[in-house]
Amino acid sequence: MKNIKLTFLGTGSAIPTPERNHTSILAQTLNESILIDCGEGTQVQFRKANISPHKLTKILITHWHGDHILGLPGLMQTLALSDYKKTLEIYGPKGSKEFMQSINILLGHHKIAYKLIEINSGKVFEDENILIGASQMSHGIPSLAYYISLKDKLRLDKNKLKKLKVPNSPILKQLLKGKNIKLNKKTINANQVTYKEKGKKVSFILDTLMNNNAIKIAKDSDLLITESSFLENSEKGAKLAKDYKHLTAKQAGTIAKKSKSKKLILTHISQRYHHDAQSLKEEAKSIFKNTEIAKELETLII
């Protein structure tokens, strides 16, 4: 998979509605299936989306508030009962080990192998295909935002290979490494027959006050997904956002604009906007035009 496939398993806030489950987003790449937060009911959402949780490789926890993690014990129990074979990697902010110890008590003997990594900020994971990074947010407890980037890849230009009569052989691997080759006593430079396929970046900002780290982590995102808990222009909206340490739709649009993101999707939609989510979209669009509202069980390819 040369792209990031996203599925919005939950797009609601602290209190779910019939239309919006608690927060959870699945990001799938070539070798990874990564869950960002695991609100209550996430395992049911997997079934509704017709996606097997057995493919999960990683879970990124933004923070340990109930609406973002209460689906984790149930999901892990289901994996244990259905013979999950992998070692699940779970990443989260400071204090995650203590929370996971409590979950282990709940699970009893229904356990899977997992590896817990507490994150401060910076690089979370890297291999030849992807890079995951994190940055601290401001939500009253240890909190993180994340990004997932597909790395730039060198690709072969088949037409140029054909023109130069380069055979389909192991020498192609050398070209893909950027190395020149000798063919029939003639040097073929890698840059003659390759091109760079630019990677993709998706950033996830959930539950935080407005802060500079949010702009930095979202820099140059192809897609920015961020919470939008309040309308700044509504009565008491800005005050409530500050008091409860959340973003307004206007602030979400500001982050997208200042970070030079290409597209913004608003999620973590409060029940107070159950019938008026469009107002959140319009407020964000007043700052950043390419804005949409997350739809439950929607799938996007980035």
C-alpha atoms as a PDB file:
ATOM      1  CA  MET A   1       0.000   0.000   0.000  1.00  0.00           C
ATOM      2  CA  LYS A   2       1.580   3.272  -1.171  1.00  0.00           C
ATOM      3  CA  ASN A   3      -0.909   5.314   0.800  1.00  0.00           C
ATOM      4  CA  ILE A   4      -2.376   5.667   4.271  1.00  0.00           C
ATOM      5  CA  LYS A   5      -5.889   4.268   4.582  1.00  0.00           C
ATOM      6  CA  LEU A   6      -7.895   5.906   7.356  1.00  0.00           C
ATOM      7  CA  THR A   7     -11.118   4.662   8.936  1.00  0.00           C
ATOM      8  CA  PHE A   8     -12.981   6.814  11.448  1.00  0.00           C
ATOM      9  CA  LEU A   9     -14.194   4.202  13.933  1.00  0.00           C
ATOM     10  CA  GLY A  10     -15.428   6.856  16.345  1.00  0.00           C
ATOM     11  CA  THR A  11     -15.896  10.603  15.890  1.00  0.00           C
ATOM     12  CA  GLY A  12     -17.762  11.648  19.041  1.00  0.00           C
ATOM     13  CA  SER A  13     -16.766  13.377  22.242  1.00  0.00           C
ATOM     14  CA  ALA A  14     -17.143  12.501  25.954  1.00  0.00           C
ATOM     15  CA  ILE A  15     -20.787  11.455  25.581  1.00  0.00           C
ATOM     16  CA  PRO A  16     -21.530   9.324  22.499  1.00  0.00           C
ATOM     17  CA  THR A  17     -24.644   9.825  20.395  1.00  0.00           C
ATOM     18  CA  PRO A  18     -26.559   7.371  18.176  1.00  0.00           C
ATOM     19  CA  GLU A  19     -24.560   8.749  15.228  1.00  0.00           C
ATOM     20  CA  ARG A  20     -21.120   9.163  16.816  1.00  0.00           C
ATOM     21  CA  ASN A  21     -19.135   6.638  18.852  1.00  0.00           C
ATOM     22  CA  HIS A  22     -16.280   7.508  21.203  1.00  0.00           C
ATOM     23  CA  THR A  23     -13.018   8.550  19.532  1.00  0.00           C
ATOM     24  CA  SER A  24     -10.952   6.011  17.590  1.00  0.00           C
ATOM     25  CA  ILE A  25      -9.176   6.204  14.231  1.00  0.00           C
ATOM     26  CA  LEU A  26      -7.532   3.369  12.313  1.00  0.00           C
ATOM     27  CA  ALA A  27      -4.544   4.092  10.033  1.00  0.00           C
ATOM     28  CA  GLN A  28      -3.395   1.285   7.728  1.00  0.00           C
ATOM     29  CA  THR A  29      -0.178   1.228   5.694  1.00  0.00           C
ATOM     30  CA  LEU A  30       1.686  -1.507   3.825  1.00  0.00           C
ATOM     31  CA  ASN A  31       2.901  -3.319   6.939  1.00  0.00           C
ATOM     32  CA  GLU A  32       1.117  -1.559   9.787  1.00  0.00           C
ATOM     33  CA  SER A  33      -2.383  -1.316  11.200  1.00  0.00           C
ATOM     34  CA  ILE A  34      -2.329   1.495  13.755  1.00  0.00           C
ATOM     35  CA  LEU A  35      -5.154   2.484  16.087  1.00  0.00           C
ATOM     36  CA  ILE A  36      -5.169   6.039  17.406  1.00  0.00           C
ATOM     37  CA  ASP A  37      -7.115   5.951  20.699  1.00  0.00           C
ATOM     38  CA  CYS A  38      -9.655   3.295  21.609  1.00  0.00           C
ATOM     39  CA  GLY A  39     -12.887   4.728  22.953  1.00  0.00           C
ATOM     40  CA  GLU A  40     -15.680   2.588  24.344  1.00  0.00           C
ATOM     41  CA  GLY A  41     -17.277   0.435  21.655  1.00  0.00           C
ATOM     42  CA  THR A  42     -14.291   0.457  19.304  1.00  0.00           C
ATOM     43  CA  GLN A  43     -14.321  -3.330  18.850  1.00  0.00           C
ATOM     44  CA  VAL A  44     -17.966  -3.132  17.734  1.00  0.00           C
ATOM     45  CA  GLN A  45     -16.993  -0.417  15.254  1.00  0.00           C
ATOM     46  CA  PHE A  46     -14.360  -2.763  13.810  1.00  0.00           C
ATOM     47  CA  ARG A  47     -17.135  -5.236  13.085  1.00  0.00           C
ATOM     48  CA  LYS A  48     -19.388  -2.597  11.556  1.00  0.00           C
ATOM     49  CA  ALA A  49     -16.510  -1.499   9.311  1.00  0.00           C
ATOM     50  CA  ASN A  50     -15.830  -5.136   8.377  1.00  0.00           C
ATOM     51  CA  ILE A  51     -12.190  -4.811   9.474  1.00  0.00           C
ATOM     52  CA  SER A  52     -10.401  -7.487  11.481  1.00  0.00           C
ATOM     53  CA  PRO A  53      -8.704  -6.171  14.646  1.00  0.00           C
ATOM     54  CA  HIS A  54      -6.312  -9.124  14.306  1.00  0.00           C
ATOM     55  CA  LYS A  55      -4.330  -7.022  11.848  1.00  0.00           C
ATOM     56  CA  LEU A  56      -3.538  -4.447  14.538  1.00  0.00           C
ATOM     57  CA  THR A  57       0.168  -3.874  15.090  1.00  0.00           C
ATOM     58  CA  LYS A  58       0.189  -0.662  17.149  1.00  0.00           C
ATOM     59  CA  ILE A  59      -2.045   1.499  19.332  1.00  0.00           C
ATOM     60  CA  LEU A  60      -1.211   5.165  19.900  1.00  0.00           C
ATOM     61  CA  ILE A  61      -2.854   6.574  23.033  1.00  0.00           C
ATOM     62  CA  THR A  62      -3.162  10.370  23.081  1.00  0.00           C
ATOM     63  CA  HIS A  63      -4.180  10.524  26.762  1.00  0.00           C
ATOM     64  CA  TRP A  64      -5.903   8.407  29.402  1.00  0.00           C
ATOM     65  CA  HIS A  65      -9.324  10.012  29.625  1.00  0.00           C
ATOM     66  CA  GLY A  66     -12.181   7.514  29.517  1.00  0.00           C
ATOM     67  CA  ASP A  67     -13.685   8.511  26.174  1.00  0.00           C
ATOM     68  CA  HIS A  68     -10.335   7.774  24.519  1.00  0.00           C
ATOM     69  CA  ILE A  69      -9.377   4.470  26.194  1.00  0.00           C
ATOM     70  CA  LEU A  70     -12.364   2.642  27.702  1.00  0.00           C
ATOM     71  CA  GLY A  71     -12.588   0.378  24.644  1.00  0.00           C
ATOM     72  CA  LEU A  72      -9.077  -0.936  25.226  1.00  0.00           C
ATOM     73  CA  PRO A  73      -9.845  -3.682  27.802  1.00  0.00           C
ATOM     74  CA  GLY A  74     -12.660  -5.084  25.678  1.00  0.00           C
ATOM     75  CA  LEU A  75     -10.627  -4.993  22.494  1.00  0.00           C
ATOM     76  CA  MET A  76      -7.675  -6.736  24.137  1.00  0.00           C
ATOM     77  CA  GLN A  77      -9.949  -9.377  25.657  1.00  0.00           C
ATOM     78  CA  THR A  78     -11.520 -10.084  22.275  1.00  0.00           C
ATOM     79  CA  LEU A  79      -8.071 -10.414  20.709  1.00  0.00           C
ATOM     80  CA  ALA A  80      -7.056 -12.851  23.448  1.00  0.00           C
ATOM     81  CA  LEU A  81     -10.204 -14.935  23.019  1.00  0.00           C
ATOM     82  CA  SER A  82      -9.721 -15.104  19.262  1.00  0.00           C
ATOM     83  CA  ASP A  83      -6.075 -16.200  19.368  1.00  0.00           C
ATOM     84  CA  TYR A  84      -4.229 -12.979  18.469  1.00  0.00           C
ATOM     85  CA  LYS A  85      -0.644 -14.059  17.707  1.00  0.00           C
ATOM     86  CA  LYS A  86       1.274 -10.794  17.455  1.00  0.00           C
ATOM     87  CA  THR A  87       2.904  -8.695  20.163  1.00  0.00           C
ATOM     88  CA  LEU A  88       0.805  -5.539  20.204  1.00  0.00           C
ATOM     89  CA  GLU A  89       2.833  -2.352  20.563  1.00  0.00           C
ATOM     90  CA  ILE A  90       1.084   0.254  22.728  1.00  0.00           C
ATOM     91  CA  TYR A  91       2.472   3.799  22.882  1.00  0.00           C
ATOM     92  CA  GLY A  92       1.273   6.460  25.284  1.00  0.00           C
ATOM     93  CA  PRO A  93       2.267   9.419  27.458  1.00  0.00           C
ATOM     94  CA  LYS A  94       3.882   9.321  30.886  1.00  0.00           C
ATOM     95  CA  GLY A  95       1.832   7.236  33.321  1.00  0.00           C
ATOM     96  CA  SER A  96       0.687   4.724  30.707  1.00  0.00           C
ATOM     97  CA  LYS A  97       2.356   1.796  32.482  1.00  0.00           C
ATOM     98  CA  GLU A  98       0.255   2.349  35.597  1.00  0.00           C
ATOM     99  CA  PHE A  99      -2.966   2.461  33.581  1.00  0.00           C
ATOM    100  CA  MET A 100      -2.054  -0.706  31.685  1.00  0.00           C
ATOM    101  CA  GLN A 101      -1.432  -2.521  34.984  1.00  0.00           C
ATOM    102  CA  SER A 102      -5.033  -1.749  35.949  1.00  0.00           C
ATOM    103  CA  ILE A 103      -6.289  -3.029  32.597  1.00  0.00           C
ATOM    104  CA  ASN A 104      -4.345  -6.261  33.100  1.00  0.00           C
ATOM    105  CA  ILE A 105      -6.224  -6.808  36.361  1.00  0.00           C
ATOM    106  CA  LEU A 106      -9.528  -6.404  34.514  1.00  0.00           C
ATOM    107  CA  LEU A 107      -8.495  -8.872  31.814  1.00  0.00           C
ATOM    108  CA  GLY A 108      -7.730 -11.685  34.242  1.00  0.00           C
ATOM    109  CA  HIS A 109      -6.309 -14.613  32.271  1.00  0.00           C
ATOM    110  CA  HIS A 110      -7.601 -13.285  28.919  1.00  0.00           C
ATOM    111  CA  LYS A 111      -4.292 -11.678  27.953  1.00  0.00           C
ATOM    112  CA  ILE A 112      -2.289 -11.049  24.801  1.00  0.00           C
ATOM    113  CA  ALA A 113       1.393 -10.291  24.432  1.00  0.00           C
ATOM    114  CA  TYR A 114       1.989  -6.558  24.306  1.00  0.00           C
ATOM    115  CA  LYS A 115       4.844  -4.111  24.617  1.00  0.00           C
ATOM    116  CA  LEU A 116       4.194  -0.754  26.280  1.00  0.00           C
ATOM    117  CA  ILE A 117       6.346   2.247  25.407  1.00  0.00           C
ATOM    118  CA  GLU A 118       5.912   5.535  27.274  1.00  0.00           C
ATOM    119  CA  ILE A 119       6.559   8.530  25.030  1.00  0.00           C
ATOM    120  CA  ASN A 120       7.687  12.041  25.847  1.00  0.00           C
ATOM    121  CA  SER A 121       8.030  13.593  22.405  1.00  0.00           C
ATOM    122  CA  GLY A 122       9.993  13.134  19.194  1.00  0.00           C
ATOM    123  CA  LYS A 123      10.392   9.929  17.195  1.00  0.00           C
ATOM    124  CA  VAL A 124       8.058   7.132  18.250  1.00  0.00           C
ATOM    125  CA  PHE A 125       8.807   4.512  15.591  1.00  0.00           C
ATOM    126  CA  GLU A 126      10.716   4.311  12.325  1.00  0.00           C
ATOM    127  CA  ASP A 127      11.416   1.698   9.693  1.00  0.00           C
ATOM    128  CA  GLU A 128      12.201   1.848   5.966  1.00  0.00           C
ATOM    129  CA  ASN A 129       8.600   2.736   5.131  1.00  0.00           C
ATOM    130  CA  ILE A 130       7.105   4.926   7.850  1.00  0.00           C
ATOM    131  CA  LEU A 131       7.938   7.397  10.582  1.00  0.00           C
ATOM    132  CA  ILE A 132       5.725   8.051  13.602  1.00  0.00           C
ATOM    133  CA  GLY A 133       6.317  11.106  15.776  1.00  0.00           C
ATOM    134  CA  ALA A 134       4.726  12.633  18.867  1.00  0.00           C
ATOM    135  CA  SER A 135       4.577  15.949  20.653  1.00  0.00           C
ATOM    136  CA  GLN A 136       3.239  16.994  24.049  1.00  0.00           C
ATOM    137  CA  MET A 137      -0.121  18.733  24.191  1.00  0.00           C
ATOM    138  CA  SER A 138      -1.849  20.729  26.942  1.00  0.00           C
ATOM    139  CA  HIS A 139      -4.901  19.014  28.418  1.00  0.00           C
ATOM    140  CA  GLY A 140      -4.312  18.974  32.168  1.00  0.00           C
ATOM    141  CA  ILE A 141      -2.855  15.454  32.150  1.00  0.00           C
ATOM    142  CA  PRO A 142       0.026  13.997  30.099  1.00  0.00           C
ATOM    143  CA  SER A 143      -1.211  14.189  26.500  1.00  0.00           C
ATOM    144  CA  LEU A 144       0.252  13.661  23.052  1.00  0.00           C
ATOM    145  CA  ALA A 145      -0.449  14.462  19.433  1.00  0.00           C
ATOM    146  CA  TYR A 146       0.944  12.130  16.759  1.00  0.00           C
ATOM    147  CA  TYR A 147       1.809  12.075  13.091  1.00  0.00           C
ATOM    148  CA  ILE A 148       2.291   9.137  10.740  1.00  0.00           C
ATOM    149  CA  SER A 149       4.436   9.730   7.654  1.00  0.00           C
ATOM    150  CA  LEU A 150       5.072   7.501   4.692  1.00  0.00           C
ATOM    151  CA  LYS A 151       8.654   8.088   3.604  1.00  0.00           C
ATOM    152  CA  ASP A 152       9.645   9.351   0.167  1.00  0.00           C
ATOM    153  CA  LYS A 153      10.404   6.408  -2.119  1.00  0.00           C
ATOM    154  CA  LEU A 154      12.644   6.035  -5.144  1.00  0.00           C
ATOM    155  CA  ARG A 155      10.672   4.456  -8.004  1.00  0.00           C
ATOM    156  CA  LEU A 156      11.766   3.039 -11.357  1.00  0.00           C
ATOM    157  CA  ASP A 157      10.612   4.668 -14.590  1.00  0.00           C
ATOM    158  CA  LYS A 158       9.585   1.631 -16.648  1.00  0.00           C
ATOM    159  CA  ASN A 159       9.534   3.523 -19.935  1.00  0.00           C
ATOM    160  CA  LYS A 160      13.097   4.743 -19.473  1.00  0.00           C
ATOM    161  CA  LEU A 161      14.254   1.277 -18.437  1.00  0.00           C
ATOM    162  CA  LYS A 162      12.715  -0.142 -21.595  1.00  0.00           C
ATOM    163  CA  LYS A 163      14.291   2.554 -23.758  1.00  0.00           C
ATOM    164  CA  LEU A 164      17.736   1.840 -22.291  1.00  0.00           C
ATOM    165  CA  LYS A 165      17.095  -1.924 -22.536  1.00  0.00           C
ATOM    166  CA  VAL A 166      17.708  -2.499 -18.834  1.00  0.00           C
ATOM    167  CA  PRO A 167      16.614  -6.089 -18.105  1.00  0.00           C
ATOM    168  CA  ASN A 168      14.366  -7.173 -15.250  1.00  0.00           C
ATOM    169  CA  SER A 169      17.130  -8.482 -13.013  1.00  0.00           C
ATOM    170  CA  PRO A 170      18.752  -7.959  -9.589  1.00  0.00           C
ATOM    171  CA  ILE A 171      20.525  -4.830 -10.903  1.00  0.00           C
ATOM    172  CA  LEU A 172      17.208  -2.995 -10.522  1.00  0.00           C
ATOM    173  CA  LYS A 173      17.687  -3.183  -6.751  1.00  0.00           C
ATOM    174  CA  GLN A 174      20.917  -1.213  -7.106  1.00  0.00           C
ATOM    175  CA  LEU A 175      19.127   1.506  -9.048  1.00  0.00           C
ATOM    176  CA  LEU A 176      16.440   1.670  -6.360  1.00  0.00           C
ATOM    177  CA  LYS A 177      19.193   2.295  -3.827  1.00  0.00           C
ATOM    178  CA  GLY A 178      20.322   5.259  -5.907  1.00  0.00           C
ATOM    179  CA  LYS A 179      23.428   3.474  -7.153  1.00  0.00           C
ATOM    180  CA  ASN A 180      24.702   3.644 -10.733  1.00  0.00           C
ATOM    181  CA  ILE A 181      25.096   0.412 -12.704  1.00  0.00           C
ATOM    182  CA  LYS A 182      27.200  -0.887 -15.582  1.00  0.00           C
ATOM    183  CA  LEU A 183      25.328  -2.439 -18.492  1.00  0.00           C
ATOM    184  CA  ASN A 184      27.083  -3.565 -21.666  1.00  0.00           C
ATOM    185  CA  LYS A 185      30.129  -1.469 -20.717  1.00  0.00           C
ATOM    186  CA  LYS A 186      27.930   1.584 -20.389  1.00  0.00           C
ATOM    187  CA  THR A 187      27.183   3.425 -17.156  1.00  0.00           C
ATOM    188  CA  ILE A 188      23.533   4.062 -16.367  1.00  0.00           C
ATOM    189  CA  ASN A 189      23.029   6.643 -13.675  1.00  0.00           C
ATOM    190  CA  ALA A 190      20.289   5.944 -11.169  1.00  0.00           C
ATOM    191  CA  ASN A 191      18.847   9.424 -11.652  1.00  0.00           C
ATOM    192  CA  GLN A 192      18.328   8.611 -15.354  1.00  0.00           C
ATOM    193  CA  VAL A 193      15.771   5.901 -14.686  1.00  0.00           C
ATOM    194  CA  THR A 194      14.291   6.728 -11.260  1.00  0.00           C
ATOM    195  CA  TYR A 195      12.038   9.342  -9.769  1.00  0.00           C
ATOM    196  CA  LYS A 196      11.098  10.264  -6.229  1.00  0.00           C
ATOM    197  CA  GLU A 197       7.572   9.463  -5.071  1.00  0.00           C
ATOM    198  CA  LYS A 198       6.780  11.930  -2.300  1.00  0.00           C
ATOM    199  CA  GLY A 199       5.528  10.453   0.939  1.00  0.00           C
ATOM    200  CA  LYS A 200       2.338  11.313   2.821  1.00  0.00           C
ATOM    201  CA  LYS A 201       1.797  12.754   6.289  1.00  0.00           C
ATOM    202  CA  VAL A 202      -1.287  12.543   8.503  1.00  0.00           C
ATOM    203  CA  SER A 203      -1.378  14.302  11.875  1.00  0.00           C
ATOM    204  CA  PHE A 204      -3.723  13.604  14.788  1.00  0.00           C
ATOM    205  CA  ILE A 205      -4.395  16.285  17.408  1.00  0.00           C
ATOM    206  CA  LEU A 206      -6.952  15.344  20.044  1.00  0.00           C
ATOM    207  CA  ASP A 207      -7.988  17.087  23.280  1.00  0.00           C
ATOM    208  CA  THR A 208      -5.727  20.043  23.914  1.00  0.00           C
ATOM    209  CA  LEU A 209      -5.600  23.749  24.457  1.00  0.00           C
ATOM    210  CA  MET A 210      -4.230  25.786  21.571  1.00  0.00           C
ATOM    211  CA  ASN A 211      -0.423  25.562  21.678  1.00  0.00           C
ATOM    212  CA  ASN A 212       2.607  25.997  19.420  1.00  0.00           C
ATOM    213  CA  ASN A 213       3.469  22.286  19.509  1.00  0.00           C
ATOM    214  CA  ALA A 214       0.218  21.565  17.687  1.00  0.00           C
ATOM    215  CA  ILE A 215       1.293  23.771  14.797  1.00  0.00           C
ATOM    216  CA  LYS A 216       4.777  22.264  14.751  1.00  0.00           C
ATOM    217  CA  ILE A 217       3.682  18.619  14.713  1.00  0.00           C
ATOM    218  CA  ALA A 218       1.114  19.290  11.976  1.00  0.00           C
ATOM    219  CA  LYS A 219       3.644  21.066   9.724  1.00  0.00           C
ATOM    220  CA  ASP A 220       3.095  20.248   6.040  1.00  0.00           C
ATOM    221  CA  SER A 221       0.494  17.563   6.717  1.00  0.00           C
ATOM    222  CA  ASP A 222      -1.360  16.156   3.743  1.00  0.00           C
ATOM    223  CA  LEU A 223      -4.205  15.679   6.209  1.00  0.00           C
ATOM    224  CA  LEU A 224      -4.665  17.140   9.680  1.00  0.00           C
ATOM    225  CA  ILE A 225      -7.258  15.477  11.903  1.00  0.00           C
ATOM    226  CA  THR A 226      -8.040  17.495  14.991  1.00  0.00           C
ATOM    227  CA  GLU A 227     -10.596  17.797  17.721  1.00  0.00           C
ATOM    228  CA  SER A 228     -13.155  20.576  17.528  1.00  0.00           C
ATOM    229  CA  SER A 229     -15.035  20.604  20.813  1.00  0.00           C
ATOM    230  CA  PHE A 230     -16.435  24.145  20.882  1.00  0.00           C
ATOM    231  CA  LEU A 231     -17.604  27.008  18.708  1.00  0.00           C
ATOM    232  CA  GLU A 232     -15.487  30.018  19.508  1.00  0.00           C
ATOM    233  CA  ASN A 233     -18.129  32.428  18.246  1.00  0.00           C
ATOM    234  CA  SER A 234     -20.948  30.940  20.328  1.00  0.00           C
ATOM    235  CA  GLU A 235     -21.966  32.137  23.772  1.00  0.00           C
ATOM    236  CA  LYS A 236     -19.248  31.096  26.254  1.00  0.00           C
ATOM    237  CA  GLY A 237     -17.638  28.841  23.619  1.00  0.00           C
ATOM    238  CA  ALA A 238     -14.134  30.302  23.912  1.00  0.00           C
ATOM    239  CA  LYS A 239     -14.345  30.287  27.729  1.00  0.00           C
ATOM    240  CA  LEU A 240     -15.554  26.679  27.861  1.00  0.00           C
ATOM    241  CA  ALA A 241     -12.746  25.593  25.518  1.00  0.00           C
ATOM    242  CA  LYS A 242     -10.206  27.256  27.802  1.00  0.00           C
ATOM    243  CA  ASP A 243     -11.779  25.906  30.998  1.00  0.00           C
ATOM    244  CA  TYR A 244     -11.967  22.329  29.714  1.00  0.00           C
ATOM    245  CA  LYS A 245      -8.678  22.556  27.811  1.00  0.00           C
ATOM    246  CA  HIS A 246     -10.050  21.885  24.332  1.00  0.00           C
ATOM    247  CA  LEU A 247      -9.868  23.467  20.888  1.00  0.00           C
ATOM    248  CA  THR A 248     -12.495  25.557  19.174  1.00  0.00           C
ATOM    249  CA  ALA A 249     -13.261  25.061  15.497  1.00  0.00           C
ATOM    250  CA  LYS A 250     -11.629  28.404  14.785  1.00  0.00           C
ATOM    251  CA  GLN A 251      -8.436  27.302  16.533  1.00  0.00           C
ATOM    252  CA  ALA A 252      -8.450  24.042  14.571  1.00  0.00           C
ATOM    253  CA  GLY A 253      -8.613  26.070  11.363  1.00  0.00           C
ATOM    254  CA  THR A 254      -5.776  28.274  12.614  1.00  0.00           C
ATOM    255  CA  ILE A 255      -3.564  25.234  13.295  1.00  0.00           C
ATOM    256  CA  ALA A 256      -4.254  23.932   9.781  1.00  0.00           C
ATOM    257  CA  LYS A 257      -3.452  27.285   8.214  1.00  0.00           C
ATOM    258  CA  LYS A 258      -0.282  28.014  10.202  1.00  0.00           C
ATOM    259  CA  SER A 259       1.024  24.467   9.746  1.00  0.00           C
ATOM    260  CA  LYS A 260       0.459  24.703   5.977  1.00  0.00           C
ATOM    261  CA  SER A 261      -1.598  21.518   6.007  1.00  0.00           C
ATOM    262  CA  LYS A 262      -3.426  20.612   2.815  1.00  0.00           C
ATOM    263  CA  LYS A 263      -6.700  19.408   4.337  1.00  0.00           C
ATOM    264  CA  LEU A 264      -8.407  19.557   7.737  1.00  0.00           C
ATOM    265  CA  ILE A 265     -10.924  17.106   9.164  1.00  0.00           C
ATOM    266  CA  LEU A 266     -12.695  17.986  12.412  1.00  0.00           C
ATOM    267  CA  THR A 267     -13.511  15.157  14.824  1.00  0.00           C
ATOM    268  CA  HIS A 268     -14.347  14.638  18.530  1.00  0.00           C
ATOM    269  CA  ILE A 269     -17.724  16.258  17.856  1.00  0.00           C
ATOM    270  CA  SER A 270     -19.612  17.126  21.038  1.00  0.00           C
ATOM    271  CA  GLN A 271     -23.226  16.077  21.565  1.00  0.00           C
ATOM    272  CA  ARG A 272     -24.041  19.788  21.908  1.00  0.00           C
ATOM    273  CA  TYR A 273     -23.524  20.003  18.126  1.00  0.00           C
ATOM    274  CA  HIS A 274     -25.436  16.779  17.463  1.00  0.00           C
ATOM    275  CA  HIS A 275     -27.752  18.562  15.017  1.00  0.00           C
ATOM    276  CA  ASP A 276     -25.432  21.443  14.107  1.00  0.00           C
ATOM    277  CA  ALA A 277     -21.994  20.053  13.209  1.00  0.00           C
ATOM    278  CA  GLN A 278     -22.109  22.229  10.102  1.00  0.00           C
ATOM    279  CA  SER A 279     -21.545  25.278  12.317  1.00  0.00           C
ATOM    280  CA  LEU A 280     -18.179  23.843  13.413  1.00  0.00           C
ATOM    281  CA  LYS A 281     -17.225  23.328   9.792  1.00  0.00           C
ATOM    282  CA  GLU A 282     -18.193  26.853   8.811  1.00  0.00           C
ATOM    283  CA  GLU A 283     -16.249  28.415  11.677  1.00  0.00           C
ATOM    284  CA  ALA A 284     -13.100  26.458  10.771  1.00  0.00           C
ATOM    285  CA  LYS A 285     -13.598  27.253   7.065  1.00  0.00           C
ATOM    286  CA  SER A 286     -13.553  30.968   7.851  1.00  0.00           C
ATOM    287  CA  ILE A 287      -9.846  30.427   8.598  1.00  0.00           C
ATOM    288  CA  PHE A 288      -9.001  27.345   6.493  1.00  0.00           C
ATOM    289  CA  LYS A 289     -11.174  26.615   3.465  1.00  0.00           C
ATOM    290  CA  ASN A 290     -10.375  22.940   2.872  1.00  0.00           C
ATOM    291  CA  THR A 291     -12.204  21.707   5.977  1.00  0.00           C
ATOM    292  CA  GLU A 292     -14.559  18.764   6.452  1.00  0.00           C
ATOM    293  CA  ILE A 293     -16.349  17.082   9.365  1.00  0.00           C
ATOM    294  CA  ALA A 294     -15.434  13.475  10.142  1.00  0.00           C
ATOM    295  CA  LYS A 295     -18.141  10.947   9.325  1.00  0.00           C
ATOM    296  CA  GLU A 296     -18.648   7.806  11.363  1.00  0.00           C
ATOM    297  CA  LEU A 297     -17.067   4.732   9.697  1.00  0.00           C
ATOM    298  CA  GLU A 298     -15.864   6.879   6.777  1.00  0.00           C
ATOM    299  CA  THR A 299     -12.790   5.586   4.949  1.00  0.00           C
ATOM    300  CA  LEU A 300     -10.229   7.833   3.249  1.00  0.00           C
ATOM    301  CA  ILE A 301      -7.099   7.080   1.221  1.00  0.00           C
ATOM    302  CA  ILE A 302      -4.327   9.654   1.651  1.00  0.00           C
END
